[in-house]
Amino acid sequence: MLTLKFITDNKEEVIKRLAKKHFDGTAIIAQVIELDQLRKTTQNQLDNVLAEMNALSKEIGLLFKQGKQEEASQAKAKTTELKEKIKELGEQQNEVENRLTKLLVEIPNLPHESVPEGKTAEDNVIERSGGSIPDLGQGALPH
C-alpha cells in the first residue's frame, strides 16, 4: 500500500506510474489529498479545543481557590460546551480517517519505472531465461 506522504509528495509521479497499469488515478488521488487536508484541519481544530479546555480547567481551579463561585460555574458551563465540541470533532476525524484508509487500500502499488506499458502477458519483455525448454510431444498435458 502506498503511504499518504508518498502520494502527497509525488502526486504527478503516482498518477503517471498508475497509468502504466491502465488505472486512472487522477480522481482517487485528488480525493486522498482532499481528505488528508480535511484530516489535518480537523486535527488542528481538535488540538485547539483541547488546549482551550485544559486552560479553562486550570482557570476553574484558580477561581474556586479565590472564592469566585459564580465565575467558576460559568467556566464549568463552558467546559460542557467544549466537551461536546471535542466529541463532535473526534467523531468527524474518525470518519475522515476511515474514508481515507478505504481510498488508500483501493490504490494499487506502483509498477517499477522500467516496466513497459502493456495490456496482456505478450506485452511483457523477457529480461532473461535459464535452462532449456523441453520439447513436449503432441497431446502432452501441462501440469
C-alpha atoms as a PDB file:
ATOM      1  CA  MET A   1       0.000   0.000   0.000  1.00  0.00           C
ATOM      2  CA  LEU A   2       1.256   3.449  -0.861  1.00  0.00           C
ATOM      3  CA  THR A   3       1.833   5.803   2.031  1.00  0.00           C
ATOM      4  CA  LEU A   4      -0.083   9.029   2.348  1.00  0.00           C
ATOM      5  CA  LYS A   5       3.139  11.036   2.480  1.00  0.00           C
ATOM      6  CA  PHE A   6       4.432   9.487  -0.755  1.00  0.00           C
ATOM      7  CA  ILE A   7       1.157  10.234  -2.527  1.00  0.00           C
ATOM      8  CA  THR A   8       1.024  13.866  -1.391  1.00  0.00           C
ATOM      9  CA  ASP A   9       4.713  14.487  -2.119  1.00  0.00           C
ATOM     10  CA  ASN A  10       4.708  12.766  -5.541  1.00  0.00           C
ATOM     11  CA  LYS A  11       1.186  13.248  -6.873  1.00  0.00           C
ATOM     12  CA  GLU A  12       2.104  13.521 -10.564  1.00  0.00           C
ATOM     13  CA  GLU A  13       4.529  10.584 -10.476  1.00  0.00           C
ATOM     14  CA  VAL A  14       1.932   8.355  -8.803  1.00  0.00           C
ATOM     15  CA  ILE A  15      -0.686   9.220 -11.440  1.00  0.00           C
ATOM     16  CA  LYS A  16       1.814   8.661 -14.270  1.00  0.00           C
ATOM     17  CA  ARG A  17       3.007   5.289 -12.973  1.00  0.00           C
ATOM     18  CA  LEU A  18      -0.534   4.099 -12.287  1.00  0.00           C
ATOM     19  CA  ALA A  19      -1.343   4.894 -15.914  1.00  0.00           C
ATOM     20  CA  LYS A  20       1.105   2.110 -16.911  1.00  0.00           C
ATOM     21  CA  LYS A  21      -1.331  -0.306 -15.280  1.00  0.00           C
ATOM     22  CA  HIS A  22      -4.192   1.361 -17.153  1.00  0.00           C
ATOM     23  CA  PHE A  23      -5.522   2.710 -13.866  1.00  0.00           C
ATOM     24  CA  ASP A  24      -6.782   6.285 -13.963  1.00  0.00           C
ATOM     25  CA  GLY A  25      -5.722   7.537 -10.544  1.00  0.00           C
ATOM     26  CA  THR A  26      -6.451  11.232 -11.059  1.00  0.00           C
ATOM     27  CA  ALA A  27      -9.785  11.290  -9.230  1.00  0.00           C
ATOM     28  CA  ILE A  28      -8.858   8.968  -6.384  1.00  0.00           C
ATOM     29  CA  ILE A  29      -5.540  10.746  -5.752  1.00  0.00           C
ATOM     30  CA  ALA A  30      -7.365  14.095  -5.663  1.00  0.00           C
ATOM     31  CA  GLN A  31      -9.827  12.646  -3.124  1.00  0.00           C
ATOM     32  CA  VAL A  32      -6.974  11.296  -0.994  1.00  0.00           C
ATOM     33  CA  ILE A  33      -5.237  14.680  -0.926  1.00  0.00           C
ATOM     34  CA  GLU A  34      -8.508  16.475  -0.144  1.00  0.00           C
ATOM     35  CA  LEU A  35      -9.319  14.080   2.710  1.00  0.00           C
ATOM     36  CA  ASP A  36      -5.783  14.446   4.049  1.00  0.00           C
ATOM     37  CA  GLN A  37      -6.215  18.234   4.183  1.00  0.00           C
ATOM     38  CA  LEU A  38      -9.579  17.799   5.927  1.00  0.00           C
ATOM     39  CA  ARG A  39      -7.983  15.379   8.410  1.00  0.00           C
ATOM     40  CA  LYS A  40      -5.214  17.873   9.184  1.00  0.00           C
ATOM     41  CA  THR A  41      -7.697  20.736   9.607  1.00  0.00           C
ATOM     42  CA  THR A  42      -9.911  18.659  11.902  1.00  0.00           C
ATOM     43  CA  GLN A  43      -6.899  17.566  13.963  1.00  0.00           C
ATOM     44  CA  ASN A  44      -5.787  21.190  14.296  1.00  0.00           C
ATOM     45  CA  GLN A  45      -9.265  22.273  15.453  1.00  0.00           C
ATOM     46  CA  LEU A  46      -9.397  19.381  17.924  1.00  0.00           C
ATOM     47  CA  ASP A  47      -5.985  20.295  19.337  1.00  0.00           C
ATOM     48  CA  ASN A  48      -7.048  23.932  19.769  1.00  0.00           C
ATOM     49  CA  VAL A  49     -10.263  22.972  21.580  1.00  0.00           C
ATOM     50  CA  LEU A  50      -8.355  20.559  23.838  1.00  0.00           C
ATOM     51  CA  ALA A  51      -5.837  23.295  24.665  1.00  0.00           C
ATOM     52  CA  GLU A  52      -8.687  25.702  25.458  1.00  0.00           C
ATOM     53  CA  MET A  53     -10.303  23.034  27.649  1.00  0.00           C
ATOM     54  CA  ASN A  54      -7.063  22.497  29.587  1.00  0.00           C
ATOM     55  CA  ALA A  55      -6.574  26.223  30.130  1.00  0.00           C
ATOM     56  CA  LEU A  56     -10.176  26.596  31.258  1.00  0.00           C
ATOM     57  CA  SER A  57      -9.852  23.687  33.681  1.00  0.00           C
ATOM     58  CA  LYS A  58      -6.838  25.331  35.327  1.00  0.00           C
ATOM     59  CA  GLU A  59      -8.719  28.613  35.481  1.00  0.00           C
ATOM     60  CA  ILE A  60     -11.690  26.940  37.195  1.00  0.00           C
ATOM     61  CA  GLY A  61      -9.404  25.624  39.921  1.00  0.00           C
ATOM     62  CA  LEU A  62      -7.953  29.086  40.489  1.00  0.00           C
ATOM     63  CA  LEU A  63     -11.417  30.672  40.584  1.00  0.00           C
ATOM     64  CA  PHE A  64     -12.598  28.211  43.230  1.00  0.00           C
ATOM     65  CA  LYS A  65      -9.478  28.903  45.316  1.00  0.00           C
ATOM     66  CA  GLN A  66     -10.149  32.628  45.085  1.00  0.00           C
ATOM     67  CA  GLY A  67     -13.771  32.111  46.113  1.00  0.00           C
ATOM     68  CA  LYS A  68     -15.278  33.324  42.836  1.00  0.00           C
ATOM     69  CA  GLN A  69     -18.046  30.743  42.681  1.00  0.00           C
ATOM     70  CA  GLU A  70     -20.171  32.484  40.040  1.00  0.00           C
ATOM     71  CA  GLU A  71     -17.323  32.872  37.561  1.00  0.00           C
ATOM     72  CA  ALA A  72     -16.243  29.267  38.206  1.00  0.00           C
ATOM     73  CA  SER A  73     -19.740  27.942  37.442  1.00  0.00           C
ATOM     74  CA  GLN A  74     -19.834  29.984  34.212  1.00  0.00           C
ATOM     75  CA  ALA A  75     -16.493  28.449  33.240  1.00  0.00           C
ATOM     76  CA  LYS A  76     -17.865  24.983  34.064  1.00  0.00           C
ATOM     77  CA  ALA A  77     -20.796  25.597  31.724  1.00  0.00           C
ATOM     78  CA  LYS A  78     -18.325  26.493  29.000  1.00  0.00           C
ATOM     79  CA  THR A  79     -16.402  23.239  29.612  1.00  0.00           C
ATOM     80  CA  THR A  80     -19.621  21.321  28.919  1.00  0.00           C
ATOM     81  CA  GLU A  81     -19.855  23.021  25.517  1.00  0.00           C
ATOM     82  CA  LEU A  82     -16.187  22.295  24.827  1.00  0.00           C
ATOM     83  CA  LYS A  83     -16.609  18.617  25.740  1.00  0.00           C
ATOM     84  CA  GLU A  84     -19.446  18.343  23.232  1.00  0.00           C
ATOM     85  CA  LYS A  85     -17.321  20.009  20.561  1.00  0.00           C
ATOM     86  CA  ILE A  86     -14.401  17.671  21.354  1.00  0.00           C
ATOM     87  CA  LYS A  87     -16.687  14.661  20.947  1.00  0.00           C
ATOM     88  CA  GLU A  88     -18.052  16.004  17.659  1.00  0.00           C
ATOM     89  CA  LEU A  89     -14.579  16.746  16.242  1.00  0.00           C
ATOM     90  CA  GLY A  90     -13.300  13.331  17.347  1.00  0.00           C
ATOM     91  CA  GLU A  91     -16.138  11.567  15.519  1.00  0.00           C
ATOM     92  CA  GLN A  92     -15.565  13.689  12.428  1.00  0.00           C
ATOM     93  CA  GLN A  93     -11.855  12.880  12.469  1.00  0.00           C
ATOM     94  CA  ASN A  94     -12.507   9.140  12.821  1.00  0.00           C
ATOM     95  CA  GLU A  95     -14.908   9.247   9.875  1.00  0.00           C
ATOM     96  CA  VAL A  96     -12.387  11.093   7.690  1.00  0.00           C
ATOM     97  CA  GLU A  97      -9.585   8.679   8.652  1.00  0.00           C
ATOM     98  CA  ASN A  98     -11.778   5.670   7.829  1.00  0.00           C
ATOM     99  CA  ARG A  99     -12.692   7.099   4.420  1.00  0.00           C
ATOM    100  CA  LEU A 100      -9.035   7.907   3.768  1.00  0.00           C
ATOM    101  CA  THR A 101      -7.929   4.382   4.659  1.00  0.00           C
ATOM    102  CA  LYS A 102     -10.564   2.873   2.356  1.00  0.00           C
ATOM    103  CA  LEU A 103      -9.310   5.012  -0.531  1.00  0.00           C
ATOM    104  CA  LEU A 104      -5.653   4.202   0.140  1.00  0.00           C
ATOM    105  CA  VAL A 105      -6.431   0.476   0.011  1.00  0.00           C
ATOM    106  CA  GLU A 106      -8.075   0.893  -3.407  1.00  0.00           C
ATOM    107  CA  ILE A 107      -4.925   2.382  -4.963  1.00  0.00           C
ATOM    108  CA  PRO A 108      -2.739  -0.348  -6.488  1.00  0.00           C
ATOM    109  CA  ASN A 109       1.014  -0.488  -5.933  1.00  0.00           C
ATOM    110  CA  LEU A 110       3.140   1.313  -8.483  1.00  0.00           C
ATOM    111  CA  PRO A 111       4.985  -0.634 -11.148  1.00  0.00           C
ATOM    112  CA  HIS A 112       8.738  -0.106 -11.421  1.00  0.00           C
ATOM    113  CA  GLU A 113       9.852   2.623 -13.839  1.00  0.00           C
ATOM    114  CA  SER A 114      11.414   0.017 -16.137  1.00  0.00           C
ATOM    115  CA  VAL A 115       8.148  -1.904 -16.602  1.00  0.00           C
ATOM    116  CA  PRO A 116       6.856  -1.427 -20.162  1.00  0.00           C
ATOM    117  CA  GLU A 117       3.265  -0.458 -20.712  1.00  0.00           C
ATOM    118  CA  GLY A 118       1.070  -3.271 -21.929  1.00  0.00           C
ATOM    119  CA  LYS A 119      -2.309  -4.894 -21.574  1.00  0.00           C
ATOM    120  CA  THR A 120      -1.502  -8.598 -21.833  1.00  0.00           C
ATOM    121  CA  ALA A 121       1.300 -11.013 -20.926  1.00  0.00           C
ATOM    122  CA  GLU A 122       2.518 -10.867 -24.551  1.00  0.00           C
ATOM    123  CA  ASP A 123       3.475  -7.221 -23.970  1.00  0.00           C
ATOM    124  CA  ASN A 124       5.962  -8.223 -21.261  1.00  0.00           C
ATOM    125  CA  VAL A 125       9.668  -8.048 -22.028  1.00  0.00           C
ATOM    126  CA  ILE A 126      11.726 -11.169 -21.271  1.00  0.00           C
ATOM    127  CA  GLU A 127      14.825  -9.979 -19.428  1.00  0.00           C
ATOM    128  CA  ARG A 128      16.482 -13.390 -19.223  1.00  0.00           C
ATOM    129  CA  SER A 129      15.623 -17.054 -19.156  1.00  0.00           C
ATOM    130  CA  GLY A 130      17.514 -20.060 -17.942  1.00  0.00           C
ATOM    131  CA  GLY A 131      17.716 -23.706 -18.841  1.00  0.00           C
ATOM    132  CA  SER A 132      16.240 -25.309 -21.882  1.00  0.00           C
ATOM    133  CA  ILE A 133      12.596 -25.591 -22.719  1.00  0.00           C
ATOM    134  CA  PRO A 134      11.677 -29.266 -23.069  1.00  0.00           C
ATOM    135  CA  ASP A 135      10.043 -30.454 -26.263  1.00  0.00           C
ATOM    136  CA  LEU A 136       6.750 -31.993 -25.282  1.00  0.00           C
ATOM    137  CA  GLY A 137       5.232 -34.465 -27.650  1.00  0.00           C
ATOM    138  CA  GLN A 138       1.911 -33.921 -29.272  1.00  0.00           C
ATOM    139  CA  GLY A 139      -1.001 -34.312 -26.882  1.00  0.00           C
ATOM    140  CA  ALA A 140       1.160 -33.770 -23.807  1.00  0.00           C
ATOM    141  CA  LEU A 141      -0.705 -32.128 -20.957  1.00  0.00           C
ATOM    142  CA  PRO A 142       0.821 -29.374 -18.819  1.00  0.00           C
ATOM    143  CA  HIS A 143       0.938 -29.798 -15.079  1.00  0.00           C
END
